[in-house]
């Protein structure tokens, strides 16, 4: 329920800030929107939802997590990691945001 509330709040905030929530599914839109200061908190919330969903998926499917992010990683660190990764693969920005988030997290926090 908490996750749903966060996603609803994020969607409303993005729409009110001029960024369509559906647009964040496209990596180029996410990258451009999340580089602007007024969207940083909203984009960090998007990534918080992503990481929570990935963690739940691993637990429910009884799979190991695909990346091993330290538990004290801040939402800002997650966002910086994703934006940094996206800046190195501009051609990849035609992909869904989730696929580039996954690749950024695996590169930054591989499981050993």
C-alpha atoms as a PDB file:
ATOM      1  CA  UNK A   1       0.000   0.000   0.000  1.00  0.00           C
ATOM      2  CA  UNK A   2       2.872   2.354   0.822  1.00  0.00           C
ATOM      3  CA  UNK A   3       4.422   1.702  -2.590  1.00  0.00           C
ATOM      4  CA  UNK A   4       1.108   2.407  -4.325  1.00  0.00           C
ATOM      5  CA  UNK A   5       0.772   5.678  -2.421  1.00  0.00           C
ATOM      6  CA  UNK A   6       4.289   6.687  -3.464  1.00  0.00           C
ATOM      7  CA  UNK A   7       3.599   5.857  -7.097  1.00  0.00           C
ATOM      8  CA  UNK A   8       0.356   7.839  -7.086  1.00  0.00           C
ATOM      9  CA  UNK A   9       2.096  10.799  -5.454  1.00  0.00           C
ATOM     10  CA  UNK A  10       4.920  10.565  -7.960  1.00  0.00           C
ATOM     11  CA  UNK A  11       2.528  10.462 -10.900  1.00  0.00           C
ATOM     12  CA  UNK A  12       0.609  13.480  -9.650  1.00  0.00           C
ATOM     13  CA  UNK A  13       3.763  15.426  -8.950  1.00  0.00           C
ATOM     14  CA  UNK A  14       5.267  14.641 -12.341  1.00  0.00           C
ATOM     15  CA  UNK A  15       2.128  15.641 -14.183  1.00  0.00           C
ATOM     16  CA  UNK A  16       1.921  18.877 -12.215  1.00  0.00           C
ATOM     17  CA  UNK A  17       5.581  19.627 -12.929  1.00  0.00           C
ATOM     18  CA  UNK A  18       5.067  19.223 -16.648  1.00  0.00           C
ATOM     19  CA  UNK A  19       6.613  15.766 -16.942  1.00  0.00           C
ATOM     20  CA  UNK A  20       4.148  13.093 -18.030  1.00  0.00           C
ATOM     21  CA  UNK A  21       4.569  10.007 -15.850  1.00  0.00           C
ATOM     22  CA  UNK A  22       4.289   7.731 -18.878  1.00  0.00           C
ATOM     23  CA  UNK A  23       7.177   9.614 -20.444  1.00  0.00           C
ATOM     24  CA  UNK A  24       9.513   8.391 -17.725  1.00  0.00           C
ATOM     25  CA  UNK A  25       9.266   4.907 -19.179  1.00  0.00           C
ATOM     26  CA  UNK A  26      11.436   6.178 -22.043  1.00  0.00           C
ATOM     27  CA  UNK A  27      15.066   6.494 -21.001  1.00  0.00           C
ATOM     28  CA  UNK A  28      15.704   9.703 -22.944  1.00  0.00           C
ATOM     29  CA  UNK A  29      12.729  11.404 -21.299  1.00  0.00           C
ATOM     30  CA  UNK A  30      13.786  10.146 -17.874  1.00  0.00           C
ATOM     31  CA  UNK A  31      17.366  11.331 -18.423  1.00  0.00           C
ATOM     32  CA  UNK A  32      16.355  14.806 -19.581  1.00  0.00           C
ATOM     33  CA  UNK A  33      13.704  15.263 -16.896  1.00  0.00           C
ATOM     34  CA  UNK A  34      15.894  13.981 -14.091  1.00  0.00           C
ATOM     35  CA  UNK A  35      18.808  16.290 -14.875  1.00  0.00           C
ATOM     36  CA  UNK A  36      16.726  19.311 -13.907  1.00  0.00           C
ATOM     37  CA  UNK A  37      16.773  20.337 -10.233  1.00  0.00           C
ATOM     38  CA  UNK A  38      12.992  20.611  -9.879  1.00  0.00           C
ATOM     39  CA  UNK A  39      12.565  16.912 -10.786  1.00  0.00           C
ATOM     40  CA  UNK A  40      15.386  15.374  -8.724  1.00  0.00           C
ATOM     41  CA  UNK A  41      13.241  14.318  -5.775  1.00  0.00           C
ATOM     42  CA  UNK A  42      10.565  12.942  -8.067  1.00  0.00           C
ATOM     43  CA  UNK A  43      13.082  10.937 -10.063  1.00  0.00           C
ATOM     44  CA  UNK A  44      14.628   9.600  -6.866  1.00  0.00           C
ATOM     45  CA  UNK A  45      11.138   8.431  -5.849  1.00  0.00           C
ATOM     46  CA  UNK A  46      10.776   6.694  -9.217  1.00  0.00           C
ATOM     47  CA  UNK A  47      14.002   4.791  -8.524  1.00  0.00           C
ATOM     48  CA  UNK A  48      12.882   3.967  -4.989  1.00  0.00           C
ATOM     49  CA  UNK A  49       9.805   2.316  -6.488  1.00  0.00           C
ATOM     50  CA  UNK A  50      11.966   0.481  -9.010  1.00  0.00           C
ATOM     51  CA  UNK A  51      14.335  -0.906  -6.368  1.00  0.00           C
ATOM     52  CA  UNK A  52      11.468  -1.916  -4.099  1.00  0.00           C
ATOM     53  CA  UNK A  53       9.758  -3.695  -6.978  1.00  0.00           C
ATOM     54  CA  UNK A  54      12.958  -5.505  -7.951  1.00  0.00           C
ATOM     55  CA  UNK A  55      13.489  -6.620  -4.364  1.00  0.00           C
ATOM     56  CA  UNK A  56       9.918  -7.900  -4.075  1.00  0.00           C
ATOM     57  CA  UNK A  57      10.260  -9.738  -7.390  1.00  0.00           C
ATOM     58  CA  UNK A  58      13.392 -11.503  -6.153  1.00  0.00           C
ATOM     59  CA  UNK A  59      11.702 -12.565  -2.912  1.00  0.00           C
ATOM     60  CA  UNK A  60       8.448 -13.693  -4.520  1.00  0.00           C
ATOM     61  CA  UNK A  61      10.178 -15.659  -7.279  1.00  0.00           C
ATOM     62  CA  UNK A  62      12.764 -17.014  -4.812  1.00  0.00           C
ATOM     63  CA  UNK A  63      15.587 -15.747  -6.960  1.00  0.00           C
ATOM     64  CA  UNK A  64      18.735 -14.039  -5.835  1.00  0.00           C
ATOM     65  CA  UNK A  65      18.863 -10.287  -6.307  1.00  0.00           C
ATOM     66  CA  UNK A  66      20.466  -9.228  -9.571  1.00  0.00           C
ATOM     67  CA  UNK A  67      22.516  -6.453  -8.023  1.00  0.00           C
ATOM     68  CA  UNK A  68      23.793  -5.997  -4.490  1.00  0.00           C
ATOM     69  CA  UNK A  69      23.214  -2.397  -3.532  1.00  0.00           C
ATOM     70  CA  UNK A  70      24.488  -1.492  -0.057  1.00  0.00           C
ATOM     71  CA  UNK A  71      21.582  -1.002   2.357  1.00  0.00           C
ATOM     72  CA  UNK A  72      22.653   2.574   3.177  1.00  0.00           C
ATOM     73  CA  UNK A  73      22.545   3.729  -0.467  1.00  0.00           C
ATOM     74  CA  UNK A  74      20.571   6.967  -0.690  1.00  0.00           C
ATOM     75  CA  UNK A  75      17.980   7.753  -3.336  1.00  0.00           C
ATOM     76  CA  UNK A  76      20.274  10.550  -4.543  1.00  0.00           C
ATOM     77  CA  UNK A  77      23.139   8.067  -4.989  1.00  0.00           C
ATOM     78  CA  UNK A  78      20.850   5.788  -7.001  1.00  0.00           C
ATOM     79  CA  UNK A  79      19.813   8.674  -9.224  1.00  0.00           C
ATOM     80  CA  UNK A  80      23.401   9.868  -9.698  1.00  0.00           C
ATOM     81  CA  UNK A  81      24.416   6.317 -10.629  1.00  0.00           C
ATOM     82  CA  UNK A  82      21.651   5.994 -13.220  1.00  0.00           C
ATOM     83  CA  UNK A  83      22.207   9.435 -14.756  1.00  0.00           C
ATOM     84  CA  UNK A  84      25.943   8.841 -14.938  1.00  0.00           C
ATOM     85  CA  UNK A  85      25.415   5.486 -16.646  1.00  0.00           C
ATOM     86  CA  UNK A  86      22.863   6.947 -19.058  1.00  0.00           C
ATOM     87  CA  UNK A  87      25.294   9.696 -20.058  1.00  0.00           C
ATOM     88  CA  UNK A  88      27.771   7.027 -21.204  1.00  0.00           C
ATOM     89  CA  UNK A  89      25.281   5.177 -23.404  1.00  0.00           C
ATOM     90  CA  UNK A  90      23.316   7.838 -25.290  1.00  0.00           C
ATOM     91  CA  UNK A  91      22.214   5.333 -27.951  1.00  0.00           C
ATOM     92  CA  UNK A  92      20.730   3.250 -25.142  1.00  0.00           C
ATOM     93  CA  UNK A  93      18.361   6.054 -24.272  1.00  0.00           C
ATOM     94  CA  UNK A  94      15.927   4.655 -26.823  1.00  0.00           C
ATOM     95  CA  UNK A  95      15.454   1.695 -24.476  1.00  0.00           C
ATOM     96  CA  UNK A  96      12.944   1.518 -21.648  1.00  0.00           C
ATOM     97  CA  UNK A  97      14.147   3.343 -18.547  1.00  0.00           C
ATOM     98  CA  UNK A  98      13.909   0.183 -16.451  1.00  0.00           C
ATOM     99  CA  UNK A  99      16.439  -1.661 -18.620  1.00  0.00           C
ATOM    100  CA  UNK A 100      19.027   1.104 -18.243  1.00  0.00           C
ATOM    101  CA  UNK A 101      18.356   1.404 -14.511  1.00  0.00           C
ATOM    102  CA  UNK A 102      18.980  -2.329 -14.215  1.00  0.00           C
ATOM    103  CA  UNK A 103      22.228  -2.103 -16.213  1.00  0.00           C
ATOM    104  CA  UNK A 104      23.427   0.889 -14.184  1.00  0.00           C
ATOM    105  CA  UNK A 105      22.749  -0.875 -10.894  1.00  0.00           C
ATOM    106  CA  UNK A 106      24.412  -4.117 -12.006  1.00  0.00           C
ATOM    107  CA  UNK A 107      27.488  -2.187 -13.118  1.00  0.00           C
ATOM    108  CA  UNK A 108      27.655  -0.126  -9.924  1.00  0.00           C
ATOM    109  CA  UNK A 109      26.742  -2.851  -7.438  1.00  0.00           C
ATOM    110  CA  UNK A 110      27.490  -6.309  -8.840  1.00  0.00           C
ATOM    111  CA  UNK A 111      26.889  -9.261  -6.566  1.00  0.00           C
ATOM    112  CA  UNK A 112      30.045 -11.169  -5.747  1.00  0.00           C
END
